[in-house]
Amino acid sequence: MADDTDVLLELWKGQREEARQMENQRAALTTVVIAVAAAGFGFLTQQGPLRPSSLGVTLPMFMLGAFGAVACTKYGERWAVHYGQATALHRAIGLRHGSLDLPGLVAASRAEHQAEFPRISKVKIWVLWVGLHSAISAGGLVLSLCALLS
């Protein structure tokens, strides 16, 4: 029978894998959205001036970017759940093996990282992904308005 630490370690690995899966799904979604948006922008560029018929490209681009922003927000939320659970399991392992000083090691590593990257370490990565998808959505919206007004 496995001891408590083995059980906690397996649970920790599972939560880390779930968090990684959220990032992989976000990356796959973002790749698709960027490819479709690039194709849409390229198509619109080749067509010349925007016309109401351009709405067949600009409106889906707006909706795809909006969907991507919402999905990335959700992936960020799910990642935070799994990361939080992994952190709690890590803490429990540290309590069982106090001589390893896991909290001290983690705190020292975080302090070193924040000293090296003081500004950017405060930025949440999911905010950047949501911003990218929001920019694509905003581009689709602006182009849709321009097409309607032409």
C-alpha atoms as a PDB file:
ATOM      1  CA  MET A   1       0.000   0.000   0.000  1.00  0.00           C
ATOM      2  CA  ALA A   2       1.275   3.466  -0.881  1.00  0.00           C
ATOM      3  CA  ASP A   3       2.101   5.881   1.874  1.00  0.00           C
ATOM      4  CA  ASP A   4       0.406   9.281   2.211  1.00  0.00           C
ATOM      5  CA  THR A   5       3.169  11.130   0.389  1.00  0.00           C
ATOM      6  CA  ASP A   6       2.879   8.886  -2.679  1.00  0.00           C
ATOM      7  CA  VAL A   7      -0.862   9.480  -2.800  1.00  0.00           C
ATOM      8  CA  LEU A   8      -0.427  13.249  -2.467  1.00  0.00           C
ATOM      9  CA  LEU A   9       2.292  13.267  -5.113  1.00  0.00           C
ATOM     10  CA  GLU A  10       0.101  11.399  -7.602  1.00  0.00           C
ATOM     11  CA  LEU A  11      -2.780  13.776  -6.928  1.00  0.00           C
ATOM     12  CA  TRP A  12      -0.396  16.735  -7.375  1.00  0.00           C
ATOM     13  CA  LYS A  13       0.809  15.330 -10.712  1.00  0.00           C
ATOM     14  CA  GLY A  14      -2.785  14.923 -11.835  1.00  0.00           C
ATOM     15  CA  GLN A  15      -3.652  18.527 -11.038  1.00  0.00           C
ATOM     16  CA  ARG A  16      -0.515  19.777 -12.811  1.00  0.00           C
ATOM     17  CA  GLU A  17      -1.490  17.716 -15.881  1.00  0.00           C
ATOM     18  CA  GLU A  18      -4.999  19.184 -15.819  1.00  0.00           C
ATOM     19  CA  ALA A  19      -3.540  22.724 -15.646  1.00  0.00           C
ATOM     20  CA  ARG A  20      -1.207  21.899 -18.537  1.00  0.00           C
ATOM     21  CA  GLN A  21      -4.174  20.579 -20.528  1.00  0.00           C
ATOM     22  CA  MET A  22      -5.965  23.915 -20.094  1.00  0.00           C
ATOM     23  CA  GLU A  23      -2.927  25.707 -21.525  1.00  0.00           C
ATOM     24  CA  ASN A  24      -2.714  23.252 -24.431  1.00  0.00           C
ATOM     25  CA  GLN A  25      -6.385  23.772 -25.271  1.00  0.00           C
ATOM     26  CA  ARG A  26      -5.978  27.535 -25.067  1.00  0.00           C
ATOM     27  CA  ALA A  27      -2.949  27.361 -27.378  1.00  0.00           C
ATOM     28  CA  ALA A  28      -4.828  25.241 -29.922  1.00  0.00           C
ATOM     29  CA  LEU A  29      -7.825  27.589 -29.887  1.00  0.00           C
ATOM     30  CA  THR A  30      -5.596  30.645 -30.260  1.00  0.00           C
ATOM     31  CA  THR A  31      -3.766  29.080 -33.197  1.00  0.00           C
ATOM     32  CA  VAL A  32      -7.044  28.463 -35.014  1.00  0.00           C
ATOM     33  CA  VAL A  33      -8.384  31.945 -34.275  1.00  0.00           C
ATOM     34  CA  ILE A  34      -5.177  33.632 -35.465  1.00  0.00           C
ATOM     35  CA  ALA A  35      -5.084  31.542 -38.654  1.00  0.00           C
ATOM     36  CA  VAL A  36      -8.718  32.284 -39.498  1.00  0.00           C
ATOM     37  CA  ALA A  37      -8.322  35.983 -38.651  1.00  0.00           C
ATOM     38  CA  ALA A  38      -5.169  36.252 -40.783  1.00  0.00           C
ATOM     39  CA  ALA A  39      -6.987  34.603 -43.691  1.00  0.00           C
ATOM     40  CA  GLY A  40      -9.919  36.981 -43.214  1.00  0.00           C
ATOM     41  CA  PHE A  41      -7.697  40.065 -43.097  1.00  0.00           C
ATOM     42  CA  GLY A  42      -5.804  38.811 -46.155  1.00  0.00           C
ATOM     43  CA  PHE A  43      -9.040  38.181 -48.060  1.00  0.00           C
ATOM     44  CA  LEU A  44     -10.355  41.639 -47.205  1.00  0.00           C
ATOM     45  CA  THR A  45      -7.089  43.231 -48.308  1.00  0.00           C
ATOM     46  CA  GLN A  46      -7.309  41.491 -51.700  1.00  0.00           C
ATOM     47  CA  GLN A  47     -10.945  42.569 -52.213  1.00  0.00           C
ATOM     48  CA  GLY A  48     -10.194  46.290 -52.143  1.00  0.00           C
ATOM     49  CA  PRO A  49     -12.512  48.787 -50.449  1.00  0.00           C
ATOM     50  CA  LEU A  50     -14.893  47.504 -47.816  1.00  0.00           C
ATOM     51  CA  ARG A  51     -18.471  46.994 -48.964  1.00  0.00           C
ATOM     52  CA  PRO A  52     -21.568  45.681 -47.208  1.00  0.00           C
ATOM     53  CA  SER A  53     -20.799  42.283 -48.771  1.00  0.00           C
ATOM     54  CA  SER A  54     -17.587  42.275 -46.661  1.00  0.00           C
ATOM     55  CA  LEU A  55     -19.774  41.652 -43.618  1.00  0.00           C
ATOM     56  CA  GLY A  56     -19.675  37.954 -44.514  1.00  0.00           C
ATOM     57  CA  VAL A  57     -16.033  38.030 -43.403  1.00  0.00           C
ATOM     58  CA  THR A  58     -15.929  40.827 -40.817  1.00  0.00           C
ATOM     59  CA  LEU A  59     -18.857  39.718 -38.642  1.00  0.00           C
ATOM     60  CA  PRO A  60     -17.619  36.131 -38.221  1.00  0.00           C
ATOM     61  CA  MET A  61     -14.167  37.573 -37.422  1.00  0.00           C
ATOM     62  CA  PHE A  62     -15.753  39.729 -34.719  1.00  0.00           C
ATOM     63  CA  MET A  63     -17.660  36.751 -33.275  1.00  0.00           C
ATOM     64  CA  LEU A  64     -14.656  34.413 -33.462  1.00  0.00           C
ATOM     65  CA  GLY A  65     -12.473  36.916 -31.580  1.00  0.00           C
ATOM     66  CA  ALA A  66     -15.179  37.431 -28.956  1.00  0.00           C
ATOM     67  CA  PHE A  67     -15.566  33.678 -28.513  1.00  0.00           C
ATOM     68  CA  GLY A  68     -11.783  33.316 -28.197  1.00  0.00           C
ATOM     69  CA  ALA A  69     -11.660  36.009 -25.505  1.00  0.00           C
ATOM     70  CA  VAL A  70     -14.400  34.332 -23.472  1.00  0.00           C
ATOM     71  CA  ALA A  71     -12.871  30.876 -23.936  1.00  0.00           C
ATOM     72  CA  CYS A  72      -9.413  32.110 -22.887  1.00  0.00           C
ATOM     73  CA  THR A  73     -10.942  33.669 -19.788  1.00  0.00           C
ATOM     74  CA  LYS A  74     -12.559  30.330 -18.977  1.00  0.00           C
ATOM     75  CA  TYR A  75      -9.326  28.413 -19.645  1.00  0.00           C
ATOM     76  CA  GLY A  76      -7.557  30.837 -17.285  1.00  0.00           C
ATOM     77  CA  GLU A  77     -10.172  30.214 -14.620  1.00  0.00           C
ATOM     78  CA  ARG A  78      -9.913  26.419 -14.982  1.00  0.00           C
ATOM     79  CA  TRP A  79      -6.110  26.631 -14.914  1.00  0.00           C
ATOM     80  CA  ALA A  80      -6.329  28.605 -11.653  1.00  0.00           C
ATOM     81  CA  VAL A  81      -8.541  25.895 -10.115  1.00  0.00           C
ATOM     82  CA  HIS A  82      -6.080  23.130 -10.956  1.00  0.00           C
ATOM     83  CA  TYR A  83      -3.043  25.201 -10.009  1.00  0.00           C
ATOM     84  CA  GLY A  84      -4.651  26.086  -6.671  1.00  0.00           C
ATOM     85  CA  GLN A  85      -5.377  22.440  -5.956  1.00  0.00           C
ATOM     86  CA  ALA A  86      -1.822  21.470  -6.920  1.00  0.00           C
ATOM     87  CA  THR A  87      -0.496  24.189  -4.601  1.00  0.00           C
ATOM     88  CA  ALA A  88      -2.584  22.855  -1.705  1.00  0.00           C
ATOM     89  CA  LEU A  89      -1.277  19.326  -2.343  1.00  0.00           C
ATOM     90  CA  HIS A  90       2.284  20.679  -2.561  1.00  0.00           C
ATOM     91  CA  ARG A  91       1.765  22.379   0.795  1.00  0.00           C
ATOM     92  CA  ALA A  92       0.514  19.112   2.317  1.00  0.00           C
ATOM     93  CA  ILE A  93       3.605  17.273   1.038  1.00  0.00           C
ATOM     94  CA  GLY A  94       5.793  20.014   2.523  1.00  0.00           C
ATOM     95  CA  LEU A  95       4.124  19.625   5.910  1.00  0.00           C
ATOM     96  CA  ARG A  96       4.828  15.891   5.906  1.00  0.00           C
ATOM     97  CA  HIS A  97       8.468  16.454   4.976  1.00  0.00           C
ATOM     98  CA  GLY A  98       9.436  19.571   6.929  1.00  0.00           C
ATOM     99  CA  SER A  99      13.162  18.850   6.667  1.00  0.00           C
ATOM    100  CA  LEU A 100      12.995  19.543   2.906  1.00  0.00           C
ATOM    101  CA  ASP A 101      11.813  23.126   3.555  1.00  0.00           C
ATOM    102  CA  LEU A 102       9.653  23.135   0.402  1.00  0.00           C
ATOM    103  CA  PRO A 103       7.905  26.420   1.329  1.00  0.00           C
ATOM    104  CA  GLY A 104      11.294  28.091   1.791  1.00  0.00           C
ATOM    105  CA  LEU A 105      12.580  26.778  -1.536  1.00  0.00           C
ATOM    106  CA  VAL A 106       9.493  27.969  -3.385  1.00  0.00           C
ATOM    107  CA  ALA A 107       9.527  31.384  -1.670  1.00  0.00           C
ATOM    108  CA  ALA A 108      13.221  31.882  -2.495  1.00  0.00           C
ATOM    109  CA  SER A 109      12.655  30.926  -6.118  1.00  0.00           C
ATOM    110  CA  ARG A 110       9.670  33.291  -6.442  1.00  0.00           C
ATOM    111  CA  ALA A 111      11.579  36.157  -4.835  1.00  0.00           C
ATOM    112  CA  GLU A 112      14.501  35.614  -7.196  1.00  0.00           C
ATOM    113  CA  HIS A 113      12.189  35.518 -10.203  1.00  0.00           C
ATOM    114  CA  GLN A 114      10.310  38.660  -9.164  1.00  0.00           C
ATOM    115  CA  ALA A 115      13.589  40.490  -8.586  1.00  0.00           C
ATOM    116  CA  GLU A 116      14.743  39.588 -12.087  1.00  0.00           C
ATOM    117  CA  PHE A 117      11.396  40.434 -13.753  1.00  0.00           C
ATOM    118  CA  PRO A 118       9.732  42.971 -11.423  1.00  0.00           C
ATOM    119  CA  ARG A 119       7.162  44.419 -13.832  1.00  0.00           C
ATOM    120  CA  ILE A 120       6.237  41.625 -16.200  1.00  0.00           C
ATOM    121  CA  SER A 121       5.933  39.028 -13.429  1.00  0.00           C
ATOM    122  CA  LYS A 122       2.839  40.917 -12.229  1.00  0.00           C
ATOM    123  CA  VAL A 123       1.054  40.436 -15.584  1.00  0.00           C
ATOM    124  CA  LYS A 124      -1.196  37.394 -15.756  1.00  0.00           C
ATOM    125  CA  ILE A 125      -0.604  35.413 -18.952  1.00  0.00           C
ATOM    126  CA  TRP A 126      -4.299  34.795 -19.546  1.00  0.00           C
ATOM    127  CA  VAL A 127      -4.841  38.567 -19.690  1.00  0.00           C
ATOM    128  CA  LEU A 128      -2.479  38.725 -22.669  1.00  0.00           C
ATOM    129  CA  TRP A 129      -4.369  35.947 -24.455  1.00  0.00           C
ATOM    130  CA  VAL A 130      -7.732  37.579 -23.775  1.00  0.00           C
ATOM    131  CA  GLY A 131      -6.275  40.858 -25.063  1.00  0.00           C
ATOM    132  CA  LEU A 132      -5.134  39.219 -28.294  1.00  0.00           C
ATOM    133  CA  HIS A 133      -8.551  37.682 -28.947  1.00  0.00           C
ATOM    134  CA  SER A 134     -10.256  40.951 -27.985  1.00  0.00           C
ATOM    135  CA  ALA A 135      -8.076  42.820 -30.491  1.00  0.00           C
ATOM    136  CA  ILE A 136      -9.132  40.402 -33.242  1.00  0.00           C
ATOM    137  CA  SER A 137     -12.763  40.869 -32.226  1.00  0.00           C
ATOM    138  CA  ALA A 138     -12.365  44.658 -32.165  1.00  0.00           C
ATOM    139  CA  GLY A 139     -10.767  44.547 -35.611  1.00  0.00           C
ATOM    140  CA  GLY A 140     -13.741  42.587 -36.942  1.00  0.00           C
ATOM    141  CA  LEU A 141     -16.143  45.041 -35.345  1.00  0.00           C
ATOM    142  CA  VAL A 142     -14.368  48.126 -36.717  1.00  0.00           C
ATOM    143  CA  LEU A 143     -14.195  46.612 -40.195  1.00  0.00           C
ATOM    144  CA  SER A 144     -17.894  45.688 -39.966  1.00  0.00           C
ATOM    145  CA  LEU A 145     -18.797  49.261 -39.098  1.00  0.00           C
ATOM    146  CA  CYS A 146     -16.638  50.576 -41.931  1.00  0.00           C
ATOM    147  CA  ALA A 147     -18.315  48.144 -44.338  1.00  0.00           C
ATOM    148  CA  LEU A 148     -21.761  49.295 -43.221  1.00  0.00           C
ATOM    149  CA  LEU A 149     -20.849  52.955 -43.555  1.00  0.00           C
ATOM    150  CA  SER A 150     -19.324  52.607 -47.022  1.00  0.00           C
END
